[in-house]
Amino acid sequence: MVSWTEFEREAPDLARQVLALMGSHKHKVLATLRKDGSPRVSGTETDFRDGELWLGSMPGSLKALDLRRDPRMALHTSSPDADEANPSSWPGDAKLAGRAVEVTDPAVLARFEMPGEGPHLFRVEVEEVVWTRVEGDLMVIDTWHPGRGTRRIKRQ
């Protein structure tokens, strides 16, 4: 797994597209694993700062407790509906998977100016990034994994 900056170095075009999609909506959907191993989805906000992707949450939130117990996670952007008359105009959506590492350093927490007492801050180590969109009559999916580069899949 790598930092956001390392991903950007390996796949700059894909990183630019994913960053634009993630930046176009404040809220994302975070998937975590519950204690029994079943999935949980939660709304979340992200921040790209200092070459890293960050997640924050309120004190004691279930998603934070999930990530403390098992750091595996996935993040999905929301996206506008495609124009049915012109599906290629849809910018697509982005998702990524990796691990969320909790950061407890008071100096780092202070830089994020998180409200309240005891908020959680996680730095995401990236393991997979995917951008899905429509081009003409094709569904186009760009995927990236560390050390393997980017792969494009086209489906009708």
N, C-alpha and C. Protein backbone atom coordinates (compact mmCIF):
# COMPACT_ATOMS: atom_id res chain seq x y z
N MET A 1 0.84 -1.18 0.00
CA MET A 1 0.00 0.00 0.00
C MET A 1 0.88 1.24 0.00
N VAL A 2 0.33 2.31 -0.56
CA VAL A 2 1.13 3.52 -0.75
C VAL A 2 0.36 4.75 -0.30
N SER A 3 1.08 5.86 -0.17
CA SER A 3 0.45 7.14 0.12
C SER A 3 -0.22 7.67 -1.14
N TRP A 4 -1.04 8.68 -0.98
CA TRP A 4 -1.67 9.31 -2.14
C TRP A 4 -0.59 9.86 -3.09
N THR A 5 0.45 10.47 -2.55
CA THR A 5 1.53 11.02 -3.39
C THR A 5 2.20 9.93 -4.21
N GLU A 6 2.45 8.78 -3.62
CA GLU A 6 3.06 7.69 -4.37
C GLU A 6 2.14 7.22 -5.49
N PHE A 7 0.84 7.14 -5.21
CA PHE A 7 -0.13 6.79 -6.25
C PHE A 7 -0.07 7.83 -7.38
N GLU A 8 -0.06 9.11 -7.03
CA GLU A 8 0.01 10.17 -8.04
C GLU A 8 1.25 10.03 -8.92
N ARG A 9 2.36 9.65 -8.32
CA ARG A 9 3.60 9.45 -9.09
C ARG A 9 3.47 8.30 -10.08
N GLU A 10 2.83 7.23 -9.64
CA GLU A 10 2.70 6.04 -10.50
C GLU A 10 1.63 6.19 -11.57
N ALA A 11 0.58 6.94 -11.28
CA ALA A 11 -0.54 7.06 -12.23
C ALA A 11 -1.08 8.49 -12.23
N PRO A 12 -0.29 9.45 -12.73
CA PRO A 12 -0.69 10.86 -12.61
C PRO A 12 -2.01 11.20 -13.30
N ASP A 13 -2.28 10.64 -14.47
CA ASP A 13 -3.53 10.96 -15.17
C ASP A 13 -4.74 10.43 -14.41
N LEU A 14 -4.66 9.20 -13.95
CA LEU A 14 -5.75 8.62 -13.17
C LEU A 14 -5.93 9.38 -11.86
N ALA A 15 -4.84 9.71 -11.20
CA ALA A 15 -4.91 10.46 -9.94
C ALA A 15 -5.60 11.80 -10.13
N ARG A 16 -5.30 12.49 -11.22
CA ARG A 16 -5.91 13.78 -11.51
C ARG A 16 -7.44 13.63 -11.68
N GLN A 17 -7.88 12.60 -12.40
CA GLN A 17 -9.30 12.37 -12.61
C GLN A 17 -10.01 12.02 -11.30
N VAL A 18 -9.41 11.14 -10.53
CA VAL A 18 -10.02 10.71 -9.26
C VAL A 18 -10.08 11.87 -8.28
N LEU A 19 -9.03 12.66 -8.22
CA LEU A 19 -9.02 13.82 -7.32
C LEU A 19 -10.12 14.81 -7.72
N ALA A 20 -10.30 15.03 -9.01
CA ALA A 20 -11.36 15.93 -9.48
C ALA A 20 -12.74 15.40 -9.09
N LEU A 21 -12.95 14.10 -9.27
CA LEU A 21 -14.25 13.52 -8.90
C LEU A 21 -14.48 13.58 -7.40
N MET A 22 -13.45 13.28 -6.62
CA MET A 22 -13.61 13.32 -5.16
C MET A 22 -13.81 14.74 -4.68
N GLY A 23 -13.18 15.69 -5.36
CA GLY A 23 -13.33 17.09 -4.97
C GLY A 23 -14.64 17.72 -5.40
N SER A 24 -15.37 17.05 -6.29
CA SER A 24 -16.62 17.63 -6.78
C SER A 24 -17.79 17.43 -5.84
N HIS A 25 -17.63 16.57 -4.84
CA HIS A 25 -18.68 16.32 -3.86
C HIS A 25 -18.06 16.26 -2.47
N LYS A 26 -18.69 16.93 -1.53
CA LYS A 26 -18.18 16.95 -0.16
C LYS A 26 -18.29 15.58 0.51
N HIS A 27 -19.41 14.90 0.26
CA HIS A 27 -19.67 13.64 0.96
C HIS A 27 -19.33 12.44 0.09
N LYS A 28 -18.72 11.45 0.72
CA LYS A 28 -18.40 10.17 0.08
C LYS A 28 -19.03 9.06 0.91
N VAL A 29 -18.98 7.84 0.37
CA VAL A 29 -19.48 6.69 1.10
C VAL A 29 -18.27 5.84 1.50
N LEU A 30 -18.16 5.57 2.79
CA LEU A 30 -17.06 4.78 3.34
C LEU A 30 -17.59 3.41 3.72
N ALA A 31 -16.91 2.37 3.27
CA ALA A 31 -17.26 1.01 3.67
C ALA A 31 -16.21 0.52 4.66
N THR A 32 -16.69 -0.01 5.78
CA THR A 32 -15.82 -0.59 6.81
C THR A 32 -16.36 -1.98 7.14
N LEU A 33 -15.65 -2.66 8.02
CA LEU A 33 -16.09 -3.99 8.45
C LEU A 33 -16.50 -3.96 9.91
N ARG A 34 -17.68 -4.46 10.19
CA ARG A 34 -18.17 -4.56 11.57
C ARG A 34 -17.41 -5.67 12.32
N LYS A 35 -17.63 -5.72 13.61
CA LYS A 35 -16.98 -6.73 14.44
C LYS A 35 -17.25 -8.15 13.94
N ASP A 36 -18.47 -8.39 13.41
CA ASP A 36 -18.81 -9.74 12.93
C ASP A 36 -18.35 -9.98 11.48
N GLY A 37 -17.69 -8.99 10.88
CA GLY A 37 -17.18 -9.14 9.52
C GLY A 37 -18.12 -8.66 8.44
N SER A 38 -19.34 -8.33 8.80
CA SER A 38 -20.29 -7.83 7.79
C SER A 38 -19.96 -6.38 7.45
N PRO A 39 -20.36 -5.92 6.26
CA PRO A 39 -20.01 -4.56 5.84
C PRO A 39 -20.89 -3.51 6.51
N ARG A 40 -20.30 -2.32 6.65
CA ARG A 40 -21.05 -1.15 7.12
C ARG A 40 -20.70 -0.02 6.15
N VAL A 41 -21.69 0.74 5.71
CA VAL A 41 -21.42 1.93 4.91
C VAL A 41 -21.84 3.15 5.70
N SER A 42 -21.02 4.19 5.59
CA SER A 42 -21.25 5.43 6.32
C SER A 42 -20.89 6.59 5.43
N GLY A 43 -21.56 7.70 5.64
CA GLY A 43 -21.15 8.93 4.97
C GLY A 43 -19.88 9.44 5.61
N THR A 44 -19.04 10.07 4.82
CA THR A 44 -17.81 10.64 5.37
C THR A 44 -17.33 11.77 4.49
N GLU A 45 -16.43 12.57 5.02
CA GLU A 45 -15.76 13.62 4.26
C GLU A 45 -14.28 13.27 4.21
N THR A 46 -13.61 13.73 3.17
CA THR A 46 -12.19 13.46 3.02
C THR A 46 -11.43 14.77 2.86
N ASP A 47 -10.13 14.67 3.03
CA ASP A 47 -9.25 15.83 2.84
C ASP A 47 -7.96 15.32 2.20
N PHE A 48 -7.50 16.00 1.18
CA PHE A 48 -6.20 15.70 0.58
C PHE A 48 -5.26 16.79 1.06
N ARG A 49 -4.28 16.39 1.86
CA ARG A 49 -3.38 17.37 2.45
C ARG A 49 -2.02 16.71 2.68
N ASP A 50 -0.97 17.46 2.44
CA ASP A 50 0.40 16.98 2.68
C ASP A 50 0.68 15.67 1.95
N GLY A 51 0.12 15.51 0.75
CA GLY A 51 0.37 14.32 -0.05
C GLY A 51 -0.33 13.07 0.44
N GLU A 52 -1.31 13.24 1.32
CA GLU A 52 -2.02 12.11 1.90
C GLU A 52 -3.53 12.31 1.74
N LEU A 53 -4.25 11.21 1.80
CA LEU A 53 -5.71 11.23 1.84
C LEU A 53 -6.11 10.97 3.29
N TRP A 54 -6.96 11.83 3.82
CA TRP A 54 -7.35 11.78 5.23
C TRP A 54 -8.85 11.59 5.38
N LEU A 55 -9.24 10.87 6.45
CA LEU A 55 -10.62 10.71 6.86
C LEU A 55 -10.72 11.14 8.32
N GLY A 56 -11.79 11.80 8.66
CA GLY A 56 -12.01 12.16 10.06
C GLY A 56 -13.38 11.69 10.50
N SER A 57 -13.55 11.57 11.80
CA SER A 57 -14.88 11.22 12.31
C SER A 57 -15.03 11.71 13.75
N MET A 58 -16.28 11.75 14.17
CA MET A 58 -16.59 12.19 15.52
C MET A 58 -16.12 11.15 16.53
N PRO A 59 -15.91 11.58 17.77
CA PRO A 59 -15.47 10.66 18.81
C PRO A 59 -16.41 9.47 18.97
N GLY A 60 -15.85 8.28 19.00
CA GLY A 60 -16.62 7.08 19.27
C GLY A 60 -17.55 6.64 18.16
N SER A 61 -17.42 7.22 16.96
CA SER A 61 -18.32 6.81 15.87
C SER A 61 -18.07 5.34 15.52
N LEU A 62 -19.12 4.68 15.04
CA LEU A 62 -18.99 3.27 14.69
C LEU A 62 -17.97 3.06 13.58
N LYS A 63 -17.92 3.97 12.59
CA LYS A 63 -16.93 3.79 11.52
C LYS A 63 -15.51 3.88 12.07
N ALA A 64 -15.27 4.78 13.03
CA ALA A 64 -13.94 4.89 13.63
C ALA A 64 -13.61 3.62 14.43
N LEU A 65 -14.57 3.12 15.17
CA LEU A 65 -14.33 1.89 15.94
C LEU A 65 -14.08 0.71 15.00
N ASP A 66 -14.82 0.67 13.87
CA ASP A 66 -14.57 -0.37 12.87
C ASP A 66 -13.13 -0.28 12.37
N LEU A 67 -12.69 0.93 12.00
CA LEU A 67 -11.35 1.10 11.44
C LEU A 67 -10.26 0.82 12.46
N ARG A 68 -10.50 1.12 13.71
CA ARG A 68 -9.51 0.79 14.75
C ARG A 68 -9.34 -0.73 14.86
N ARG A 69 -10.43 -1.44 14.75
CA ARG A 69 -10.41 -2.89 14.89
C ARG A 69 -9.86 -3.56 13.63
N ASP A 70 -10.27 -3.08 12.46
CA ASP A 70 -9.85 -3.66 11.19
C ASP A 70 -9.71 -2.49 10.21
N PRO A 71 -8.50 -2.12 9.85
CA PRO A 71 -8.30 -0.89 9.05
C PRO A 71 -8.69 -0.99 7.58
N ARG A 72 -9.13 -2.16 7.11
CA ARG A 72 -9.52 -2.27 5.71
C ARG A 72 -10.76 -1.42 5.43
N MET A 73 -10.72 -0.71 4.30
CA MET A 73 -11.83 0.18 3.98
C MET A 73 -11.91 0.38 2.48
N ALA A 74 -13.05 0.90 2.04
CA ALA A 74 -13.24 1.33 0.66
C ALA A 74 -13.97 2.66 0.69
N LEU A 75 -13.70 3.48 -0.30
CA LEU A 75 -14.30 4.80 -0.37
C LEU A 75 -14.87 4.99 -1.77
N HIS A 76 -16.07 5.52 -1.86
CA HIS A 76 -16.74 5.71 -3.15
C HIS A 76 -17.27 7.14 -3.23
N THR A 77 -17.07 7.76 -4.39
CA THR A 77 -17.61 9.10 -4.60
C THR A 77 -19.08 9.02 -4.96
N SER A 78 -19.78 10.07 -4.65
CA SER A 78 -21.11 10.20 -5.23
C SER A 78 -20.91 10.88 -6.58
N SER A 79 -21.86 10.72 -7.46
CA SER A 79 -21.72 11.34 -8.77
C SER A 79 -23.09 11.72 -9.29
N PRO A 80 -23.13 12.70 -10.17
CA PRO A 80 -24.43 13.08 -10.74
C PRO A 80 -24.94 11.98 -11.66
N ASP A 81 -26.24 11.94 -11.86
CA ASP A 81 -26.81 11.00 -12.81
C ASP A 81 -26.33 11.35 -14.21
N ALA A 82 -26.15 10.33 -15.03
CA ALA A 82 -25.75 10.54 -16.41
C ALA A 82 -26.91 11.11 -17.21
N ASP A 83 -26.60 11.91 -18.19
CA ASP A 83 -27.59 12.42 -19.13
C ASP A 83 -27.92 11.27 -20.08
N GLU A 84 -29.15 10.78 -20.03
CA GLU A 84 -29.51 9.62 -20.84
C GLU A 84 -29.34 9.87 -22.34
N ALA A 85 -29.46 11.12 -22.76
CA ALA A 85 -29.29 11.45 -24.18
C ALA A 85 -27.81 11.49 -24.57
N ASN A 86 -26.94 11.69 -23.57
CA ASN A 86 -25.51 11.76 -23.84
C ASN A 86 -24.73 11.14 -22.68
N PRO A 87 -24.73 9.81 -22.56
CA PRO A 87 -24.06 9.15 -21.43
C PRO A 87 -22.57 9.47 -21.32
N SER A 88 -21.93 9.79 -22.45
CA SER A 88 -20.50 10.10 -22.41
C SER A 88 -20.20 11.40 -21.67
N SER A 89 -21.22 12.22 -21.44
CA SER A 89 -20.99 13.47 -20.70
C SER A 89 -20.86 13.24 -19.20
N TRP A 90 -21.22 12.04 -18.74
CA TRP A 90 -21.10 11.70 -17.31
C TRP A 90 -19.62 11.62 -16.95
N PRO A 91 -19.18 12.35 -15.94
CA PRO A 91 -17.76 12.31 -15.57
C PRO A 91 -17.33 10.99 -14.94
N GLY A 92 -18.31 10.18 -14.55
CA GLY A 92 -17.99 8.90 -13.95
C GLY A 92 -17.97 8.96 -12.45
N ASP A 93 -17.51 7.87 -11.86
CA ASP A 93 -17.32 7.85 -10.42
C ASP A 93 -15.98 7.20 -10.11
N ALA A 94 -15.57 7.41 -8.89
CA ALA A 94 -14.27 6.89 -8.46
C ALA A 94 -14.44 6.14 -7.16
N LYS A 95 -13.60 5.13 -6.99
CA LYS A 95 -13.57 4.42 -5.72
C LYS A 95 -12.14 4.00 -5.46
N LEU A 96 -11.87 3.80 -4.21
CA LEU A 96 -10.55 3.31 -3.84
C LEU A 96 -10.66 2.42 -2.62
N ALA A 97 -9.67 1.59 -2.45
CA ALA A 97 -9.63 0.70 -1.30
C ALA A 97 -8.23 0.76 -0.69
N GLY A 98 -8.15 0.44 0.57
CA GLY A 98 -6.87 0.44 1.25
C GLY A 98 -7.05 0.22 2.74
N ARG A 99 -6.18 0.85 3.49
CA ARG A 99 -6.21 0.74 4.95
C ARG A 99 -6.17 2.14 5.55
N ALA A 100 -6.93 2.32 6.61
CA ALA A 100 -6.98 3.59 7.31
C ALA A 100 -6.15 3.46 8.59
N VAL A 101 -5.12 4.27 8.70
CA VAL A 101 -4.21 4.24 9.85
C VAL A 101 -4.54 5.43 10.74
N GLU A 102 -4.93 5.15 11.99
CA GLU A 102 -5.29 6.25 12.88
C GLU A 102 -4.04 7.04 13.27
N VAL A 103 -4.21 8.36 13.24
CA VAL A 103 -3.13 9.28 13.62
C VAL A 103 -3.55 9.95 14.92
N THR A 104 -2.69 9.83 15.94
CA THR A 104 -3.03 10.39 17.25
C THR A 104 -2.06 11.49 17.68
N ASP A 105 -1.11 11.83 16.84
CA ASP A 105 -0.12 12.87 17.15
C ASP A 105 -0.86 14.20 17.37
N PRO A 106 -0.75 14.78 18.57
CA PRO A 106 -1.48 16.03 18.86
C PRO A 106 -1.16 17.16 17.89
N ALA A 107 0.08 17.25 17.42
CA ALA A 107 0.44 18.31 16.48
C ALA A 107 -0.29 18.14 15.14
N VAL A 108 -0.40 16.91 14.67
CA VAL A 108 -1.11 16.65 13.41
C VAL A 108 -2.60 16.94 13.61
N LEU A 109 -3.16 16.46 14.71
CA LEU A 109 -4.58 16.71 14.98
C LEU A 109 -4.88 18.21 15.06
N ALA A 110 -3.98 18.97 15.66
CA ALA A 110 -4.17 20.42 15.78
C ALA A 110 -4.20 21.08 14.40
N ARG A 111 -3.38 20.60 13.47
CA ARG A 111 -3.35 21.18 12.11
C ARG A 111 -4.69 21.00 11.40
N PHE A 112 -5.43 19.96 11.74
CA PHE A 112 -6.71 19.71 11.09
C PHE A 112 -7.87 20.46 11.75
N GLU A 113 -7.61 21.06 12.91
CA GLU A 113 -8.63 21.86 13.62
C GLU A 113 -9.97 21.13 13.70
N MET A 114 -9.92 19.88 14.12
CA MET A 114 -11.14 19.09 14.21
C MET A 114 -11.92 19.50 15.45
N PRO A 115 -13.24 19.65 15.31
CA PRO A 115 -14.05 20.13 16.43
C PRO A 115 -14.24 19.09 17.52
N GLY A 116 -14.55 19.59 18.71
CA GLY A 116 -14.88 18.71 19.83
C GLY A 116 -13.65 18.05 20.42
N GLU A 117 -13.91 17.21 21.41
CA GLU A 117 -12.82 16.48 22.07
C GLU A 117 -12.80 15.04 21.61
N GLY A 118 -11.62 14.55 21.29
CA GLY A 118 -11.45 13.16 20.94
C GLY A 118 -11.87 12.74 19.55
N PRO A 119 -11.82 13.64 18.55
CA PRO A 119 -12.17 13.19 17.20
C PRO A 119 -11.12 12.21 16.68
N HIS A 120 -11.50 11.43 15.69
CA HIS A 120 -10.59 10.45 15.10
C HIS A 120 -10.09 10.98 13.75
N LEU A 121 -8.81 10.76 13.47
CA LEU A 121 -8.22 11.14 12.20
C LEU A 121 -7.48 9.93 11.65
N PHE A 122 -7.73 9.61 10.40
CA PHE A 122 -7.10 8.45 9.76
C PHE A 122 -6.42 8.88 8.47
N ARG A 123 -5.22 8.36 8.25
CA ARG A 123 -4.49 8.53 6.99
C ARG A 123 -4.71 7.26 6.18
N VAL A 124 -5.06 7.42 4.90
CA VAL A 124 -5.39 6.26 4.06
C VAL A 124 -4.16 5.80 3.29
N GLU A 125 -3.85 4.52 3.42
CA GLU A 125 -2.83 3.87 2.59
C GLU A 125 -3.58 3.22 1.44
N VAL A 126 -3.24 3.60 0.21
CA VAL A 126 -4.00 3.22 -0.97
C VAL A 126 -3.53 1.88 -1.53
N GLU A 127 -4.49 1.00 -1.82
CA GLU A 127 -4.19 -0.32 -2.38
C GLU A 127 -4.82 -0.50 -3.77
N GLU A 128 -5.90 0.21 -4.04
CA GLU A 128 -6.58 0.09 -5.33
C GLU A 128 -7.33 1.38 -5.61
N VAL A 129 -7.31 1.80 -6.88
CA VAL A 129 -8.07 2.97 -7.31
C VAL A 129 -8.78 2.60 -8.61
N VAL A 130 -10.04 3.03 -8.74
CA VAL A 130 -10.84 2.70 -9.92
C VAL A 130 -11.62 3.93 -10.36
N TRP A 131 -11.59 4.20 -11.67
CA TRP A 131 -12.40 5.26 -12.27
C TRP A 131 -13.27 4.62 -13.34
N THR A 132 -14.58 4.77 -13.21
CA THR A 132 -15.54 4.16 -14.14
C THR A 132 -16.29 5.28 -14.84
N ARG A 133 -16.46 5.13 -16.17
CA ARG A 133 -17.15 6.14 -16.95
C ARG A 133 -17.70 5.52 -18.22
N VAL A 134 -18.41 6.33 -19.01
CA VAL A 134 -18.96 5.88 -20.29
C VAL A 134 -18.27 6.66 -21.40
N GLU A 135 -17.83 5.93 -22.42
CA GLU A 135 -17.28 6.55 -23.62
C GLU A 135 -18.00 5.94 -24.82
N GLY A 136 -18.84 6.73 -25.46
CA GLY A 136 -19.63 6.20 -26.57
C GLY A 136 -20.56 5.11 -26.08
N ASP A 137 -20.43 3.92 -26.67
CA ASP A 137 -21.25 2.77 -26.28
C ASP A 137 -20.55 1.86 -25.27
N LEU A 138 -19.42 2.31 -24.74
CA LEU A 138 -18.63 1.46 -23.87
C LEU A 138 -18.58 1.96 -22.43
N MET A 139 -18.58 1.03 -21.50
CA MET A 139 -18.25 1.31 -20.11
C MET A 139 -16.72 1.17 -20.03
N VAL A 140 -16.04 2.21 -19.55
CA VAL A 140 -14.59 2.19 -19.48
C VAL A 140 -14.19 2.25 -18.01
N ILE A 141 -13.33 1.33 -17.61
CA ILE A 141 -12.90 1.22 -16.21
C ILE A 141 -11.37 1.23 -16.18
N ASP A 142 -10.80 2.25 -15.54
CA ASP A 142 -9.36 2.29 -15.31
C ASP A 142 -9.11 1.84 -13.88
N THR A 143 -8.22 0.87 -13.71
CA THR A 143 -7.87 0.39 -12.37
C THR A 143 -6.38 0.53 -12.15
N TRP A 144 -6.00 0.70 -10.91
CA TRP A 144 -4.59 0.82 -10.54
C TRP A 144 -4.35 0.06 -9.24
N HIS A 145 -3.20 -0.61 -9.19
CA HIS A 145 -2.72 -1.27 -7.98
C HIS A 145 -1.23 -0.96 -7.86
N PRO A 146 -0.69 -0.83 -6.65
CA PRO A 146 0.73 -0.51 -6.47
C PRO A 146 1.63 -1.50 -7.21
N GLY A 147 2.58 -0.95 -7.94
CA GLY A 147 3.58 -1.77 -8.62
C GLY A 147 3.09 -2.46 -9.89
N ARG A 148 1.78 -2.43 -10.14
CA ARG A 148 1.24 -3.07 -11.34
C ARG A 148 0.78 -2.07 -12.38
N GLY A 149 0.72 -0.81 -12.00
CA GLY A 149 0.32 0.22 -12.96
C GLY A 149 -1.18 0.26 -13.20
N THR A 150 -1.52 0.96 -14.27
CA THR A 150 -2.92 1.17 -14.63
C THR A 150 -3.34 0.19 -15.72
N ARG A 151 -4.55 -0.28 -15.61
CA ARG A 151 -5.12 -1.20 -16.60
C ARG A 151 -6.47 -0.64 -17.03
N ARG A 152 -6.77 -0.66 -18.30
CA ARG A 152 -8.06 -0.19 -18.83
C ARG A 152 -8.88 -1.37 -19.30
N ILE A 153 -10.15 -1.39 -18.87
CA ILE A 153 -11.10 -2.43 -19.27
C ILE A 153 -12.25 -1.72 -19.99
N LYS A 154 -12.63 -2.25 -21.15
CA LYS A 154 -13.76 -1.70 -21.88
C LYS A 154 -14.81 -2.78 -22.03
N ARG A 155 -16.06 -2.41 -21.72
CA ARG A 155 -17.18 -3.36 -21.78
C ARG A 155 -18.34 -2.75 -22.54
N GLN A 156 -19.07 -3.59 -23.26
CA GLN A 156 -20.29 -3.10 -23.93
C GLN A 156 -21.49 -3.36 -23.09
